[in-house]
PDB file of N, CA and C in Angstrom:
ATOM      1  N   MET A   1      16.211  66.217  91.498  1.00  0.00           N
ATOM      2  CA  MET A   1      16.202  65.136  90.474  1.00  0.00           C
ATOM      3  C   MET A   1      15.681  65.848  89.080  1.00  0.00           C
ATOM      4  N   ASN A   2      16.437  65.655  88.037  1.00  0.00           N
ATOM      5  CA  ASN A   2      16.114  66.071  86.818  1.00  0.00           C
ATOM      6  C   ASN A   2      14.948  65.546  86.083  1.00  0.00           C
ATOM      7  N   GLU A   3      13.832  66.268  85.876  1.00  0.00           N
ATOM      8  CA  GLU A   3      12.611  65.692  85.381  1.00  0.00           C
ATOM      9  C   GLU A   3      12.956  65.596  83.646  1.00  0.00           C
ATOM     10  N   ALA A   4      12.562  64.440  83.267  1.00  0.00           N
ATOM     11  CA  ALA A   4      12.792  63.950  81.844  1.00  0.00           C
ATOM     12  C   ALA A   4      11.313  63.726  81.227  1.00  0.00           C
ATOM     13  N   ASN A   5      11.244  64.381  79.964  1.00  0.00           N
ATOM     14  CA  ASN A   5      10.054  64.018  79.312  1.00  0.00           C
ATOM     15  C   ASN A   5      10.374  63.381  77.896  1.00  0.00           C
ATOM     16  N   PHE A   6      10.142  62.308  77.694  1.00  0.00           N
ATOM     17  CA  PHE A   6      10.618  61.546  76.426  1.00  0.00           C
ATOM     18  C   PHE A   6       9.532  61.404  75.538  1.00  0.00           C
ATOM     19  N   ALA A   7       8.972  62.383  74.795  1.00  0.00           N
ATOM     20  CA  ALA A   7       7.965  62.269  73.935  1.00  0.00           C
ATOM     21  C   ALA A   7       8.640  61.678  72.622  1.00  0.00           C
ATOM     22  N   LEU A   8       7.850  60.992  71.821  1.00  0.00           N
ATOM     23  CA  LEU A   8       8.310  60.353  70.714  1.00  0.00           C
ATOM     24  C   LEU A   8       7.803  61.203  69.436  1.00  0.00           C
ATOM     25  N   ASP A   9       8.766  61.389  68.434  1.00  0.00           N
ATOM     26  CA  ASP A   9       8.457  62.096  67.314  1.00  0.00           C
ATOM     27  C   ASP A   9       7.614  61.029  66.272  1.00  0.00           C
ATOM     28  N   GLU A  10       6.874  61.535  65.206  1.00  0.00           N
ATOM     29  CA  GLU A  10       6.078  60.796  64.443  1.00  0.00           C
ATOM     30  C   GLU A  10       6.748  59.718  63.794  1.00  0.00           C
ATOM     31  N   GLU A  11       8.030  59.896  63.297  1.00  0.00           N
ATOM     32  CA  GLU A  11       8.724  58.995  62.607  1.00  0.00           C
ATOM     33  C   GLU A  11       9.125  57.894  63.616  1.00  0.00           C
ATOM     34  N   THR A  12       9.468  58.104  64.730  1.00  0.00           N
ATOM     35  CA  THR A  12       9.899  57.215  65.887  1.00  0.00           C
ATOM     36  C   THR A  12       8.764  56.306  66.152  1.00  0.00           C
ATOM     37  N   LYS A  13       7.538  56.891  66.355  1.00  0.00           N
ATOM     38  CA  LYS A  13       6.258  56.157  66.613  1.00  0.00           C
ATOM     39  C   LYS A  13       5.924  55.192  65.592  1.00  0.00           C
ATOM     40  N   MET A  14       6.096  55.566  64.261  1.00  0.00           N
ATOM     41  CA  MET A  14       5.842  54.794  62.960  1.00  0.00           C
ATOM     42  C   MET A  14       6.808  53.566  63.068  1.00  0.00           C
ATOM     43  N   LYS A  15       8.061  53.741  63.373  1.00  0.00           N
ATOM     44  CA  LYS A  15       8.948  52.688  63.294  1.00  0.00           C
ATOM     45  C   LYS A  15       8.644  51.808  64.389  1.00  0.00           C
ATOM     46  N   TRP A  16       8.377  52.275  65.644  1.00  0.00           N
ATOM     47  CA  TRP A  16       7.943  51.569  66.725  1.00  0.00           C
ATOM     48  C   TRP A  16       6.817  50.406  66.528  1.00  0.00           C
ATOM     49  N   TYR A  17       5.708  51.163  65.802  1.00  0.00           N
ATOM     50  CA  TYR A  17       4.693  50.331  65.439  1.00  0.00           C
ATOM     51  C   TYR A  17       5.032  49.182  64.405  1.00  0.00           C
ATOM     52  N   LYS A  18       5.901  49.468  63.493  1.00  0.00           N
ATOM     53  CA  LYS A  18       6.428  48.531  62.486  1.00  0.00           C
ATOM     54  C   LYS A  18       7.199  47.444  63.127  1.00  0.00           C
ATOM     55  N   ILE A  19       8.044  47.726  64.150  1.00  0.00           N
ATOM     56  CA  ILE A  19       8.687  46.846  64.905  1.00  0.00           C
ATOM     57  C   ILE A  19       7.785  45.855  65.512  1.00  0.00           C
ATOM     58  N   VAL A  20       6.817  46.304  66.346  1.00  0.00           N
ATOM     59  CA  VAL A  20       5.752  45.473  67.104  1.00  0.00           C
ATOM     60  C   VAL A  20       4.989  44.637  66.000  1.00  0.00           C
ATOM     61  N   PHE A  21       4.632  45.186  64.853  1.00  0.00           N
ATOM     62  CA  PHE A  21       3.794  44.372  63.888  1.00  0.00           C
ATOM     63  C   PHE A  21       4.789  43.389  63.303  1.00  0.00           C
ATOM     64  N   GLN A  22       6.047  43.622  62.937  1.00  0.00           N
ATOM     65  CA  GLN A  22       6.837  42.708  62.507  1.00  0.00           C
ATOM     66  C   GLN A  22       7.122  41.482  63.388  1.00  0.00           C
ATOM     67  N   LEU A  23       7.396  41.812  64.791  1.00  0.00           N
ATOM     68  CA  LEU A  23       7.572  40.828  65.745  1.00  0.00           C
ATOM     69  C   LEU A  23       6.232  40.064  65.877  1.00  0.00           C
ATOM     70  N   LYS A  24       5.087  40.574  65.922  1.00  0.00           N
ATOM     71  CA  LYS A  24       3.749  39.779  65.907  1.00  0.00           C
ATOM     72  C   LYS A  24       3.620  38.865  64.793  1.00  0.00           C
ATOM     73  N   LYS A  25       4.016  39.335  63.603  1.00  0.00           N
ATOM     74  CA  LYS A  25       3.961  38.478  62.420  1.00  0.00           C
ATOM     75  C   LYS A  25       4.939  37.288  62.554  1.00  0.00           C
ATOM     76  N   GLN A  26       6.124  37.590  63.195  1.00  0.00           N
ATOM     77  CA  GLN A  26       7.109  36.491  63.191  1.00  0.00           C
ATOM     78  C   GLN A  26       6.742  35.599  64.405  1.00  0.00           C
ATOM     79  N   PHE A  27       6.258  35.910  65.469  1.00  0.00           N
ATOM     80  CA  PHE A  27       6.103  35.162  66.723  1.00  0.00           C
ATOM     81  C   PHE A  27       4.556  34.746  66.917  1.00  0.00           C
ATOM     82  N   GLY A  28       3.721  35.412  66.281  1.00  0.00           N
ATOM     83  CA  GLY A  28       2.235  34.993  66.290  1.00  0.00           C
ATOM     84  C   GLY A  28       1.526  35.700  67.482  1.00  0.00           C
ATOM     85  N   LYS A  29       2.319  36.563  68.225  1.00  0.00           N
ATOM     86  CA  LYS A  29       1.586  37.376  69.084  1.00  0.00           C
ATOM     87  C   LYS A  29       2.378  38.736  69.431  1.00  0.00           C
ATOM     88  N   LYS A  30       1.426  39.668  69.839  1.00  0.00           N
ATOM     89  CA  LYS A  30       1.993  41.043  69.932  1.00  0.00           C
ATOM     90  C   LYS A  30       3.066  40.913  71.241  1.00  0.00           C
ATOM     91  N   PRO A  31       4.151  41.536  70.975  1.00  0.00           N
ATOM     92  CA  PRO A  31       5.274  41.319  72.168  1.00  0.00           C
ATOM     93  C   PRO A  31       4.955  42.621  73.051  1.00  0.00           C
ATOM     94  N   ASP A  32       5.146  42.386  74.341  1.00  0.00           N
ATOM     95  CA  ASP A  32       5.293  43.599  75.234  1.00  0.00           C
ATOM     96  C   ASP A  32       6.673  44.031  75.257  1.00  0.00           C
ATOM     97  N   MET A  33       6.940  44.974  76.101  1.00  0.00           N
ATOM     98  CA  MET A  33       8.454  45.525  76.238  1.00  0.00           C
ATOM     99  C   MET A  33       9.353  44.341  76.858  1.00  0.00           C
ATOM    100  N   ASN A  34       8.890  43.486  77.799  1.00  0.00           N
ATOM    101  CA  ASN A  34       9.637  42.629  78.303  1.00  0.00           C
ATOM    102  C   ASN A  34      10.031  41.524  77.162  1.00  0.00           C
ATOM    103  N   GLY A  35       9.074  41.201  76.333  1.00  0.00           N
ATOM    104  CA  GLY A  35       9.266  40.203  75.139  1.00  0.00           C
ATOM    105  C   GLY A  35      10.397  40.920  74.280  1.00  0.00           C
ATOM    106  N   ILE A  36      10.359  42.258  74.128  1.00  0.00           N
ATOM    107  CA  ILE A  36      11.335  42.758  73.087  1.00  0.00           C
ATOM    108  C   ILE A  36      12.554  42.659  73.711  1.00  0.00           C
ATOM    109  N   LEU A  37      12.676  43.233  75.026  1.00  0.00           N
ATOM    110  CA  LEU A  37      13.868  43.219  75.821  1.00  0.00           C
ATOM    111  C   LEU A  37      14.631  41.709  75.864  1.00  0.00           C
ATOM    112  N   PHE A  38      13.858  40.701  75.920  1.00  0.00           N
ATOM    113  CA  PHE A  38      14.283  39.444  75.982  1.00  0.00           C
ATOM    114  C   PHE A  38      15.028  38.999  74.581  1.00  0.00           C
ATOM    115  N   LEU A  39      14.283  39.399  73.518  1.00  0.00           N
ATOM    116  CA  LEU A  39      14.934  39.235  72.237  1.00  0.00           C
ATOM    117  C   LEU A  39      16.187  40.001  72.052  1.00  0.00           C
ATOM    118  N   ILE A  40      16.275  41.215  72.549  1.00  0.00           N
ATOM    119  CA  ILE A  40      17.405  42.031  72.338  1.00  0.00           C
ATOM    120  C   ILE A  40      18.518  41.396  73.114  1.00  0.00           C
ATOM    121  N   GLY A  41      18.225  40.854  74.469  1.00  0.00           N
ATOM    122  CA  GLY A  41      19.272  40.219  75.265  1.00  0.00           C
ATOM    123  C   GLY A  41      19.701  38.990  74.719  1.00  0.00           C
ATOM    124  N   MET A  42      18.989  38.195  74.060  1.00  0.00           N
ATOM    125  CA  MET A  42      19.392  36.895  73.315  1.00  0.00           C
ATOM    126  C   MET A  42      20.367  37.262  72.199  1.00  0.00           C
ATOM    127  N   ARG A  43      19.912  38.261  71.471  1.00  0.00           N
ATOM    128  CA  ARG A  43      20.759  38.719  70.324  1.00  0.00           C
ATOM    129  C   ARG A  43      22.086  39.211  70.924  1.00  0.00           C
ATOM    130  N   GLU A  44      22.133  39.971  71.894  1.00  0.00           N
ATOM    131  CA  GLU A  44      23.282  40.497  72.425  1.00  0.00           C
ATOM    132  C   GLU A  44      24.437  39.456  72.819  1.00  0.00           C
ATOM    133  N   ILE A  45      23.728  38.348  73.389  1.00  0.00           N
ATOM    134  CA  ILE A  45      24.721  37.212  73.713  1.00  0.00           C
ATOM    135  C   ILE A  45      24.952  36.176  72.794  1.00  0.00           C
ATOM    136  N   GLY A  46      24.067  36.263  71.773  1.00  0.00           N
ATOM    137  CA  GLY A  46      24.234  35.267  70.709  1.00  0.00           C
ATOM    138  C   GLY A  46      23.930  33.904  70.867  1.00  0.00           C
ATOM    139  N   GLN A  47      22.949  33.756  71.817  1.00  0.00           N
ATOM    140  CA  GLN A  47      22.539  32.417  72.136  1.00  0.00           C
ATOM    141  C   GLN A  47      21.027  32.167  72.212  1.00  0.00           C
ATOM    142  N   VAL A  48      20.376  31.141  71.617  1.00  0.00           N
ATOM    143  CA  VAL A  48      19.083  30.851  71.648  1.00  0.00           C
ATOM    144  C   VAL A  48      18.925  29.494  72.551  1.00  0.00           C
ATOM    145  N   LYS A  49      18.314  29.423  73.580  1.00  0.00           N
ATOM    146  CA  LYS A  49      18.300  28.283  74.377  1.00  0.00           C
ATOM    147  C   LYS A  49      17.201  28.458  75.400  1.00  0.00           C
ATOM    148  N   ASN A  50      16.925  27.331  76.216  1.00  0.00           N
ATOM    149  CA  ASN A  50      16.095  27.549  77.447  1.00  0.00           C
ATOM    150  C   ASN A  50      16.559  28.159  78.464  1.00  0.00           C
ATOM    151  N   PHE A  51      16.429  29.455  78.830  1.00  0.00           N
ATOM    152  CA  PHE A  51      17.175  30.038  79.831  1.00  0.00           C
ATOM    153  C   PHE A  51      16.591  29.791  81.287  1.00  0.00           C
ATOM    154  N   SER A  52      17.176  29.847  82.257  1.00  0.00           N
ATOM    155  CA  SER A  52      16.810  29.756  83.613  1.00  0.00           C
ATOM    156  C   SER A  52      16.212  31.174  83.974  1.00  0.00           C
ATOM    157  N   LYS A  53      15.295  31.087  85.106  1.00  0.00           N
ATOM    158  CA  LYS A  53      14.669  32.303  85.466  1.00  0.00           C
ATOM    159  C   LYS A  53      15.736  33.448  85.649  1.00  0.00           C
ATOM    160  N   GLU A  54      16.792  33.037  86.343  1.00  0.00           N
ATOM    161  CA  GLU A  54      17.885  33.965  86.569  1.00  0.00           C
ATOM    162  C   GLU A  54      18.611  34.639  85.289  1.00  0.00           C
ATOM    163  N   GLU A  55      18.815  33.697  84.335  1.00  0.00           N
ATOM    164  CA  GLU A  55      19.343  34.064  83.212  1.00  0.00           C
ATOM    165  C   GLU A  55      18.487  35.101  82.308  1.00  0.00           C
ATOM    166  N   LYS A  56      17.114  34.881  82.511  1.00  0.00           N
ATOM    167  CA  LYS A  56      16.197  35.510  81.776  1.00  0.00           C
ATOM    168  C   LYS A  56      16.247  37.071  82.294  1.00  0.00           C
ATOM    169  N   MET A  57      16.372  37.055  83.827  1.00  0.00           N
ATOM    170  CA  MET A  57      16.465  38.374  84.398  1.00  0.00           C
ATOM    171  C   MET A  57      17.676  39.199  83.815  1.00  0.00           C
ATOM    172  N   ASP A  58      18.904  38.332  83.746  1.00  0.00           N
ATOM    173  CA  ASP A  58      20.061  38.785  83.303  1.00  0.00           C
ATOM    174  C   ASP A  58      19.951  39.290  81.785  1.00  0.00           C
ATOM    175  N   LEU A  59      19.179  38.579  81.002  1.00  0.00           N
ATOM    176  CA  LEU A  59      18.908  39.099  79.583  1.00  0.00           C
ATOM    177  C   LEU A  59      18.260  40.451  79.541  1.00  0.00           C
ATOM    178  N   PHE A  60      17.121  40.570  80.385  1.00  0.00           N
ATOM    179  CA  PHE A  60      16.419  41.783  80.491  1.00  0.00           C
ATOM    180  C   PHE A  60      17.454  42.921  81.024  1.00  0.00           C
ATOM    181  N   HIS A  61      18.301  42.653  81.826  1.00  0.00           N
ATOM    182  CA  HIS A  61      19.240  43.695  82.191  1.00  0.00           C
ATOM    183  C   HIS A  61      20.345  43.940  81.052  1.00  0.00           C
ATOM    184  N   ILE A  62      20.756  42.961  80.470  1.00  0.00           N
ATOM    185  CA  ILE A  62      21.741  43.187  79.423  1.00  0.00           C
ATOM    186  C   ILE A  62      21.216  44.091  78.244  1.00  0.00           C
ATOM    187  N   ALA A  63      19.910  43.752  77.875  1.00  0.00           N
ATOM    188  CA  ALA A  63      19.104  44.492  76.871  1.00  0.00           C
ATOM    189  C   ALA A  63      18.949  45.955  77.252  1.00  0.00           C
ATOM    190  N   THR A  64      18.494  46.115  78.530  1.00  0.00           N
ATOM    191  CA  THR A  64      18.174  47.466  79.129  1.00  0.00           C
ATOM    192  C   THR A  64      19.432  48.284  79.138  1.00  0.00           C
ATOM    193  N   CYS A  65      20.569  47.659  79.641  1.00  0.00           N
ATOM    194  CA  CYS A  65      21.762  48.422  79.649  1.00  0.00           C
ATOM    195  C   CYS A  65      22.323  48.854  78.299  1.00  0.00           C
ATOM    196  N   LYS A  66      22.216  47.918  77.294  1.00  0.00           N
ATOM    197  CA  LYS A  66      22.647  48.146  75.844  1.00  0.00           C
ATOM    198  C   LYS A  66      21.764  49.357  75.226  1.00  0.00           C
ATOM    199  N   LEU A  67      20.551  49.228  75.477  1.00  0.00           N
ATOM    200  CA  LEU A  67      19.699  50.431  75.159  1.00  0.00           C
ATOM    201  C   LEU A  67      19.970  51.744  75.730  1.00  0.00           C
ATOM    202  N   LEU A  68      20.228  51.552  77.105  1.00  0.00           N
ATOM    203  CA  LEU A  68      20.645  53.023  77.664  1.00  0.00           C
ATOM    204  C   LEU A  68      21.910  53.433  77.361  1.00  0.00           C
ATOM    205  N   SER A  69      22.768  52.522  76.922  1.00  0.00           N
ATOM    206  CA  SER A  69      24.147  52.979  76.547  1.00  0.00           C
ATOM    207  C   SER A  69      24.105  53.961  75.311  1.00  0.00           C
ATOM    208  N   TYR A  70      22.933  53.897  74.553  1.00  0.00           N
ATOM    209  CA  TYR A  70      22.898  54.861  73.416  1.00  0.00           C
ATOM    210  C   TYR A  70      22.580  56.326  74.020  1.00  0.00           C
ATOM    211  N   GLU A  71      22.276  56.430  75.301  1.00  0.00           N
ATOM    212  CA  GLU A  71      21.994  57.763  75.895  1.00  0.00           C
ATOM    213  C   GLU A  71      23.184  58.206  76.730  1.00  0.00           C
ATOM    214  N   GLY A  72      24.000  57.248  77.009  1.00  0.00           N
ATOM    215  CA  GLY A  72      25.225  57.386  77.793  1.00  0.00           C
ATOM    216  C   GLY A  72      25.157  57.204  79.304  1.00  0.00           C
ATOM    217  N   TYR A  73      23.995  56.302  79.632  1.00  0.00           N
ATOM    218  CA  TYR A  73      23.701  55.992  80.931  1.00  0.00           C
ATOM    219  C   TYR A  73      24.563  54.784  81.342  1.00  0.00           C
ATOM    220  N   TYR A  74      24.872  53.810  80.457  1.00  0.00           N
ATOM    221  CA  TYR A  74      25.831  52.681  80.643  1.00  0.00           C
ATOM    222  C   TYR A  74      26.863  52.722  79.721  1.00  0.00           C
ATOM    223  N   ARG A  75      27.946  51.955  80.010  1.00  0.00           N
ATOM    224  CA  ARG A  75      28.882  51.626  78.922  1.00  0.00           C
ATOM    225  C   ARG A  75      29.373  50.247  79.233  1.00  0.00           C
ATOM    226  N   LEU A  76      29.718  49.365  78.064  1.00  0.00           N
ATOM    227  CA  LEU A  76      30.165  48.139  78.028  1.00  0.00           C
ATOM    228  C   LEU A  76      31.377  47.968  78.728  1.00  0.00           C
ATOM    229  N   ALA A  77      31.415  47.226  79.956  1.00  0.00           N
ATOM    230  CA  ALA A  77      32.594  47.123  80.705  1.00  0.00           C
ATOM    231  C   ALA A  77      33.639  45.859  80.292  1.00  0.00           C
ATOM    232  N   GLY A  78      32.845  44.943  79.594  1.00  0.00           N
ATOM    233  CA  GLY A  78      33.588  43.830  79.095  1.00  0.00           C
ATOM    234  C   GLY A  78      32.564  42.609  78.817  1.00  0.00           C
ATOM    235  N   VAL A  79      33.115  41.632  78.531  1.00  0.00           N
ATOM    236  CA  VAL A  79      32.254  40.379  78.093  1.00  0.00           C
ATOM    237  C   VAL A  79      32.935  39.244  78.942  1.00  0.00           C
ATOM    238  N   ASP A  80      32.168  38.367  79.535  1.00  0.00           N
ATOM    239  CA  ASP A  80      32.788  37.331  80.467  1.00  0.00           C
ATOM    240  C   ASP A  80      33.078  36.102  79.569  1.00  0.00           C
ATOM    241  N   GLU A  81      33.661  34.997  80.126  1.00  0.00           N
ATOM    242  CA  GLU A  81      34.139  33.946  79.383  1.00  0.00           C
ATOM    243  C   GLU A  81      33.104  33.090  78.729  1.00  0.00           C
ATOM    244  N   ASP A  82      31.760  33.320  79.159  1.00  0.00           N
ATOM    245  CA  ASP A  82      30.518  32.722  78.452  1.00  0.00           C
ATOM    246  C   ASP A  82      29.904  33.485  77.601  1.00  0.00           C
ATOM    247  N   GLY A  83      30.601  34.678  77.194  1.00  0.00           N
ATOM    248  CA  GLY A  83      29.990  35.648  76.154  1.00  0.00           C
ATOM    249  C   GLY A  83      28.940  36.559  76.549  1.00  0.00           C
ATOM    250  N   TRP A  84      28.776  36.618  78.015  1.00  0.00           N
ATOM    251  CA  TRP A  84      27.570  37.530  78.292  1.00  0.00           C
ATOM    252  C   TRP A  84      28.392  39.009  78.644  1.00  0.00           C
ATOM    253  N   PRO A  85      27.790  39.925  78.089  1.00  0.00           N
ATOM    254  CA  PRO A  85      28.327  41.432  78.262  1.00  0.00           C
ATOM    255  C   PRO A  85      27.992  41.927  79.632  1.00  0.00           C
ATOM    256  N   HIS A  86      28.891  42.585  80.157  1.00  0.00           N
ATOM    257  CA  HIS A  86      28.626  43.564  81.525  1.00  0.00           C
ATOM    258  C   HIS A  86      28.825  44.928  81.366  1.00  0.00           C
ATOM    259  N   TYR A  87      27.880  45.623  81.909  1.00  0.00           N
ATOM    260  CA  TYR A  87      27.942  47.134  81.625  1.00  0.00           C
ATOM    261  C   TYR A  87      28.109  47.737  83.053  1.00  0.00           C
ATOM    262  N   GLU A  88      28.650  48.971  82.810  1.00  0.00           N
ATOM    263  CA  GLU A  88      28.845  49.603  84.126  1.00  0.00           C
ATOM    264  C   GLU A  88      27.861  51.029  84.045  1.00  0.00           C
ATOM    265  N   LEU A  89      27.328  51.411  85.085  1.00  0.00           N
ATOM    266  CA  LEU A  89      26.514  52.565  85.287  1.00  0.00           C
ATOM    267  C   LEU A  89      27.374  53.854  85.100  1.00  0.00           C
ATOM    268  N   ILE A  90      27.088  54.816  84.254  1.00  0.00           N
ATOM    269  CA  ILE A  90      27.775  56.007  84.109  1.00  0.00           C
ATOM    270  C   ILE A  90      26.911  57.066  84.655  1.00  0.00           C
ATOM    271  N   ASN A  91      25.694  57.264  84.223  1.00  0.00           N
ATOM    272  CA  ASN A  91      24.812  58.330  84.764  1.00  0.00           C
ATOM    273  C   ASN A  91      23.460  57.676  85.008  1.00  0.00           C
ATOM    274  N   LYS A  92      22.727  57.928  86.210  1.00  0.00           N
ATOM    275  CA  LYS A  92      21.541  57.293  86.411  1.00  0.00           C
ATOM    276  C   LYS A  92      20.462  57.993  85.675  1.00  0.00           C
ATOM    277  N   PRO A  93      19.625  57.195  84.965  1.00  0.00           N
ATOM    278  CA  PRO A  93      18.521  57.765  84.222  1.00  0.00           C
ATOM    279  C   PRO A  93      17.573  58.557  85.034  1.00  0.00           C
ATOM    280  N   ALA A  94      17.007  59.596  84.567  1.00  0.00           N
ATOM    281  CA  ALA A  94      16.019  60.513  85.304  1.00  0.00           C
ATOM    282  C   ALA A  94      14.618  60.174  84.873  1.00  0.00           C
ATOM    283  N   PHE A  95      14.322  59.014  85.300  1.00  0.00           N
ATOM    284  CA  PHE A  95      12.747  58.597  84.843  1.00  0.00           C
ATOM    285  C   PHE A  95      11.932  59.301  85.917  1.00  0.00           C
ATOM    286  N   THR A  96      10.919  60.054  85.390  1.00  0.00           N
ATOM    287  CA  THR A  96       9.951  60.621  86.201  1.00  0.00           C
ATOM    288  C   THR A  96       8.765  59.858  86.579  1.00  0.00           C
ATOM    289  N   ASP A  97       8.487  58.908  85.659  1.00  0.00           N
ATOM    290  CA  ASP A  97       7.425  57.964  85.829  1.00  0.00           C
ATOM    291  C   ASP A  97       7.490  56.869  84.868  1.00  0.00           C
ATOM    292  N   LEU A  98       6.600  55.861  85.032  1.00  0.00           N
ATOM    293  CA  LEU A  98       6.680  54.671  84.108  1.00  0.00           C
ATOM    294  C   LEU A  98       6.519  55.004  82.766  1.00  0.00           C
ATOM    295  N   LEU A  99       5.663  55.923  82.353  1.00  0.00           N
ATOM    296  CA  LEU A  99       5.333  56.352  81.017  1.00  0.00           C
ATOM    297  C   LEU A  99       6.306  56.882  80.367  1.00  0.00           C
ATOM    298  N   ASN A 100       7.280  57.678  80.905  1.00  0.00           N
ATOM    299  CA  ASN A 100       8.468  58.344  80.369  1.00  0.00           C
ATOM    300  C   ASN A 100       9.620  57.234  80.349  1.00  0.00           C
ATOM    301  N   GLN A 101       9.578  56.236  81.181  1.00  0.00           N
ATOM    302  CA  GLN A 101      10.523  55.175  80.995  1.00  0.00           C
ATOM    303  C   GLN A 101      10.076  54.360  79.884  1.00  0.00           C
ATOM    304  N   GLU A 102       8.971  53.923  79.533  1.00  0.00           N
ATOM    305  CA  GLU A 102       8.400  53.117  78.376  1.00  0.00           C
ATOM    306  C   GLU A 102       8.902  53.967  77.165  1.00  0.00           C
ATOM    307  N   LEU A 103       8.394  55.249  77.117  1.00  0.00           N
ATOM    308  CA  LEU A 103       8.691  55.990  75.943  1.00  0.00           C
ATOM    309  C   LEU A 103      10.258  56.188  75.569  1.00  0.00           C
ATOM    310  N   LEU A 104      11.056  56.218  76.568  1.00  0.00           N
ATOM    311  CA  LEU A 104      12.629  56.172  76.328  1.00  0.00           C
ATOM    312  C   LEU A 104      13.013  54.911  75.757  1.00  0.00           C
ATOM    313  N   LEU A 105      12.522  53.843  76.353  1.00  0.00           N
ATOM    314  CA  LEU A 105      12.954  52.550  75.954  1.00  0.00           C
ATOM    315  C   LEU A 105      12.368  52.270  74.461  1.00  0.00           C
ATOM    316  N   ARG A 106      11.178  52.632  74.147  1.00  0.00           N
ATOM    317  CA  ARG A 106      10.637  52.479  72.687  1.00  0.00           C
ATOM    318  C   ARG A 106      11.528  53.237  71.834  1.00  0.00           C
ATOM    319  N   LYS A 107      12.063  54.394  72.199  1.00  0.00           N
ATOM    320  CA  LYS A 107      12.781  55.275  71.259  1.00  0.00           C
ATOM    321  C   LYS A 107      14.132  54.595  71.122  1.00  0.00           C
ATOM    322  N   LEU A 108      14.696  54.005  72.152  1.00  0.00           N
ATOM    323  CA  LEU A 108      16.001  53.255  72.095  1.00  0.00           C
ATOM    324  C   LEU A 108      15.883  51.715  71.405  1.00  0.00           C
ATOM    325  N   VAL A 109      14.652  51.214  71.458  1.00  0.00           N
ATOM    326  CA  VAL A 109      14.550  49.899  70.654  1.00  0.00           C
ATOM    327  C   VAL A 109      14.461  50.374  69.169  1.00  0.00           C
ATOM    328  N   VAL A 110      13.882  51.392  68.857  1.00  0.00           N
ATOM    329  CA  VAL A 110      13.970  51.859  67.595  1.00  0.00           C
ATOM    330  C   VAL A 110      15.415  52.111  67.022  1.00  0.00           C
ATOM    331  N   ASN A 111      16.219  52.851  67.813  1.00  0.00           N
ATOM    332  CA  ASN A 111      17.491  52.928  67.575  1.00  0.00           C
ATOM    333  C   ASN A 111      18.150  51.690  67.311  1.00  0.00           C
ATOM    334  N   TYR A 112      18.083  50.792  68.204  1.00  0.00           N
ATOM    335  CA  TYR A 112      18.688  49.536  68.070  1.00  0.00           C
ATOM    336  C   TYR A 112      18.213  48.757  66.753  1.00  0.00           C
ATOM    337  N   PHE A 113      17.020  48.701  66.511  1.00  0.00           N
ATOM    338  CA  PHE A 113      16.601  48.066  65.144  1.00  0.00           C
ATOM    339  C   PHE A 113      17.278  48.776  64.058  1.00  0.00           C
ATOM    340  N   ASP A 114      17.186  50.190  64.155  1.00  0.00           N
ATOM    341  CA  ASP A 114      17.939  50.928  62.926  1.00  0.00           C
ATOM    342  C   ASP A 114      19.345  50.481  62.927  1.00  0.00           C
ATOM    343  N   GLU A 115      20.017  50.545  64.012  1.00  0.00           N
ATOM    344  CA  GLU A 115      21.543  50.207  63.965  1.00  0.00           C
ATOM    345  C   GLU A 115      21.906  48.890  63.414  1.00  0.00           C
ATOM    346  N   HIS A 116      20.984  47.951  63.761  1.00  0.00           N
ATOM    347  CA  HIS A 116      21.355  46.562  63.246  1.00  0.00           C
ATOM    348  C   HIS A 116      20.524  46.144  62.082  1.00  0.00           C
ATOM    349  N   GLU A 117      19.946  47.098  61.535  1.00  0.00           N
ATOM    350  CA  GLU A 117      19.124  46.867  60.108  1.00  0.00           C
ATOM    351  C   GLU A 117      18.185  45.656  60.425  1.00  0.00           C
ATOM    352  N   LEU A 118      17.321  45.799  61.431  1.00  0.00           N
ATOM    353  CA  LEU A 118      16.534  44.621  61.652  1.00  0.00           C
ATOM    354  C   LEU A 118      15.063  44.742  61.137  1.00  0.00           C
ATOM    355  N   TYR A 119      14.783  45.608  60.333  1.00  0.00           N
ATOM    356  CA  TYR A 119      13.534  45.945  59.774  1.00  0.00           C
ATOM    357  C   TYR A 119      13.369  45.096  58.460  1.00  0.00           C
ATOM    358  N   GLU A 120      12.113  44.581  58.341  1.00  0.00           N
ATOM    359  CA  GLU A 120      11.837  44.006  56.892  1.00  0.00           C
ATOM    360  C   GLU A 120      11.620  45.232  55.862  1.00  0.00           C
ATOM    361  N   ASN A 121      12.239  44.990  54.783  1.00  0.00           N
ATOM    362  CA  ASN A 121      12.007  45.979  53.775  1.00  0.00           C
ATOM    363  C   ASN A 121      10.838  45.478  52.876  1.00  0.00           C
ATOM    364  N   GLU A 122       9.719  46.568  53.023  1.00  0.00           N
ATOM    365  CA  GLU A 122       8.462  46.396  52.528  1.00  0.00           C
ATOM    366  C   GLU A 122       8.166  47.132  51.399  1.00  0.00           C
TER     367      GLU A 122
END
């Protein structure tokens, strides 16, 4: 198994904290990774509604696949008739532990926010 170490550079760390602060300001509480994945998933399907438990799990999966697609782990296979994207696994991520998984996701969340220009200009 390939060991991967996903340390964040200072610029990425600062952007991550800016994202968390911005979301805390917007929603009134500090989001955890699941909250951020949920928001990304909703953005990816373009729907805001009360989701079932199963749909929420699907949103986490969509967001995770979207983020991991930046690193070539997944690719978009298509979108179903309800507008939900479907991804296929290309390469299995080499997570050595939860910390490295969290760090990689933080980096990819920053990439996502950069790509979609979701920062407030201060």
